[in-house]
Amino acid sequence: MKSLVQYDIATVIRAPNITEINACIDALRKVPGVFDTNTVIILRTVS
């Protein structure tokens, strides 16, 4: 049964490519206690 409590946490991930970003997101989803995630990706070039 899912808990009705929802927490909002923002995470900033920096990676050289989308494959690495996806790997980070997949790892976050495997954290014990994480039942669901909502992912928003904002792409930005840092110079």
N, C-alpha and C. Protein backbone atom coordinates (compact mmCIF):
# COMPACT_ATOMS: atom_id res chain seq x y z
N MET A 1 0.84 -1.17 0.00
CA MET A 1 0.00 0.00 0.00
C MET A 1 0.89 1.24 0.00
N LYS A 2 0.56 2.20 -0.84
CA LYS A 2 1.33 3.43 -0.91
C LYS A 2 0.94 4.37 0.23
N SER A 3 1.92 5.10 0.70
CA SER A 3 1.69 6.12 1.71
C SER A 3 1.01 7.32 1.06
N LEU A 4 0.19 8.02 1.82
CA LEU A 4 -0.47 9.21 1.31
C LEU A 4 0.38 10.46 1.50
N VAL A 5 1.53 10.31 2.16
CA VAL A 5 2.42 11.44 2.40
C VAL A 5 3.27 11.66 1.17
N GLN A 6 3.38 12.90 0.74
CA GLN A 6 4.20 13.22 -0.43
C GLN A 6 5.21 14.29 -0.04
N TYR A 7 6.45 14.09 -0.41
CA TYR A 7 7.52 15.04 -0.15
C TYR A 7 8.00 15.61 -1.47
N ASP A 8 8.36 16.86 -1.47
CA ASP A 8 8.90 17.50 -2.67
C ASP A 8 10.39 17.74 -2.45
N ILE A 9 11.18 17.20 -3.33
CA ILE A 9 12.63 17.36 -3.26
C ILE A 9 13.13 17.69 -4.66
N ALA A 10 13.96 18.68 -4.75
CA ALA A 10 14.57 19.02 -6.04
C ALA A 10 16.02 18.54 -6.03
N THR A 11 16.44 17.98 -7.15
CA THR A 11 17.81 17.51 -7.29
C THR A 11 18.40 18.09 -8.57
N VAL A 12 19.59 18.61 -8.48
CA VAL A 12 20.30 19.11 -9.66
C VAL A 12 21.33 18.07 -10.04
N ILE A 13 21.25 17.61 -11.28
CA ILE A 13 22.18 16.60 -11.79
C ILE A 13 22.96 17.21 -12.95
N ARG A 14 24.26 17.08 -12.91
CA ARG A 14 25.10 17.53 -14.02
C ARG A 14 25.79 16.31 -14.60
N ALA A 15 25.67 16.13 -15.91
CA ALA A 15 26.27 14.98 -16.57
C ALA A 15 26.66 15.36 -17.99
N PRO A 16 27.63 14.64 -18.56
CA PRO A 16 28.11 14.98 -19.90
C PRO A 16 27.16 14.58 -21.02
N ASN A 17 26.18 13.69 -20.71
CA ASN A 17 25.27 13.25 -21.77
C ASN A 17 23.97 12.73 -21.16
N ILE A 18 22.97 12.53 -22.00
CA ILE A 18 21.65 12.11 -21.54
C ILE A 18 21.67 10.69 -20.96
N THR A 19 22.58 9.86 -21.43
CA THR A 19 22.70 8.50 -20.90
C THR A 19 23.06 8.53 -19.41
N GLU A 20 23.98 9.41 -19.05
CA GLU A 20 24.39 9.54 -17.65
C GLU A 20 23.27 10.14 -16.80
N ILE A 21 22.54 11.08 -17.36
CA ILE A 21 21.39 11.66 -16.64
C ILE A 21 20.35 10.58 -16.37
N ASN A 22 20.04 9.77 -17.38
CA ASN A 22 19.08 8.68 -17.20
C ASN A 22 19.55 7.69 -16.14
N ALA A 23 20.84 7.40 -16.10
CA ALA A 23 21.38 6.48 -15.10
C ALA A 23 21.18 7.05 -13.69
N CYS A 24 21.39 8.35 -13.53
CA CYS A 24 21.17 8.99 -12.23
C CYS A 24 19.70 8.93 -11.82
N ILE A 25 18.81 9.19 -12.74
CA ILE A 25 17.38 9.13 -12.45
C ILE A 25 16.97 7.71 -12.08
N ASP A 26 17.48 6.72 -12.80
CA ASP A 26 17.18 5.33 -12.49
C ASP A 26 17.67 4.97 -11.09
N ALA A 27 18.85 5.45 -10.72
CA ALA A 27 19.39 5.18 -9.38
C ALA A 27 18.51 5.81 -8.30
N LEU A 28 18.02 7.02 -8.53
CA LEU A 28 17.14 7.67 -7.56
C LEU A 28 15.86 6.88 -7.37
N ARG A 29 15.34 6.31 -8.42
CA ARG A 29 14.10 5.54 -8.35
C ARG A 29 14.27 4.23 -7.59
N LYS A 30 15.50 3.77 -7.42
CA LYS A 30 15.78 2.53 -6.69
C LYS A 30 16.03 2.75 -5.21
N VAL A 31 16.04 3.99 -4.76
CA VAL A 31 16.26 4.29 -3.34
C VAL A 31 15.10 3.72 -2.53
N PRO A 32 15.40 2.96 -1.47
CA PRO A 32 14.33 2.41 -0.64
C PRO A 32 13.41 3.51 -0.12
N GLY A 33 12.12 3.29 -0.22
CA GLY A 33 11.14 4.26 0.24
C GLY A 33 10.63 5.17 -0.86
N VAL A 34 11.30 5.17 -2.01
CA VAL A 34 10.82 5.97 -3.14
C VAL A 34 9.82 5.11 -3.91
N PHE A 35 8.57 5.55 -3.93
CA PHE A 35 7.52 4.79 -4.59
C PHE A 35 7.21 5.32 -5.98
N ASP A 36 7.46 6.60 -6.20
CA ASP A 36 7.11 7.22 -7.47
C ASP A 36 7.96 8.47 -7.64
N THR A 37 8.23 8.85 -8.88
CA THR A 37 8.96 10.10 -9.15
C THR A 37 8.28 10.85 -10.28
N ASN A 38 8.43 12.13 -10.26
CA ASN A 38 8.03 13.01 -11.37
C ASN A 38 9.30 13.73 -11.80
N THR A 39 9.67 13.55 -13.04
CA THR A 39 10.94 14.09 -13.53
C THR A 39 10.71 15.20 -14.53
N VAL A 40 11.39 16.31 -14.31
CA VAL A 40 11.38 17.43 -15.24
C VAL A 40 12.84 17.70 -15.59
N ILE A 41 13.13 17.70 -16.86
CA ILE A 41 14.51 17.96 -17.30
C ILE A 41 14.57 19.31 -17.98
N ILE A 42 15.46 20.15 -17.48
CA ILE A 42 15.71 21.47 -18.08
C ILE A 42 17.16 21.42 -18.59
N LEU A 43 17.30 21.44 -19.90
CA LEU A 43 18.64 21.36 -20.49
C LEU A 43 19.23 22.75 -20.63
N ARG A 44 20.50 22.86 -20.26
CA ARG A 44 21.17 24.13 -20.32
C ARG A 44 22.65 23.89 -20.59
N THR A 45 23.21 24.67 -21.46
CA THR A 45 24.64 24.60 -21.73
C THR A 45 25.36 25.53 -20.79
N VAL A 46 26.36 25.00 -20.10
CA VAL A 46 27.15 25.80 -19.17
C VAL A 46 28.48 26.08 -19.83
N SER A 47 28.83 27.37 -19.92
CA SER A 47 30.11 27.70 -20.55
C SER A 47 31.07 28.28 -19.56
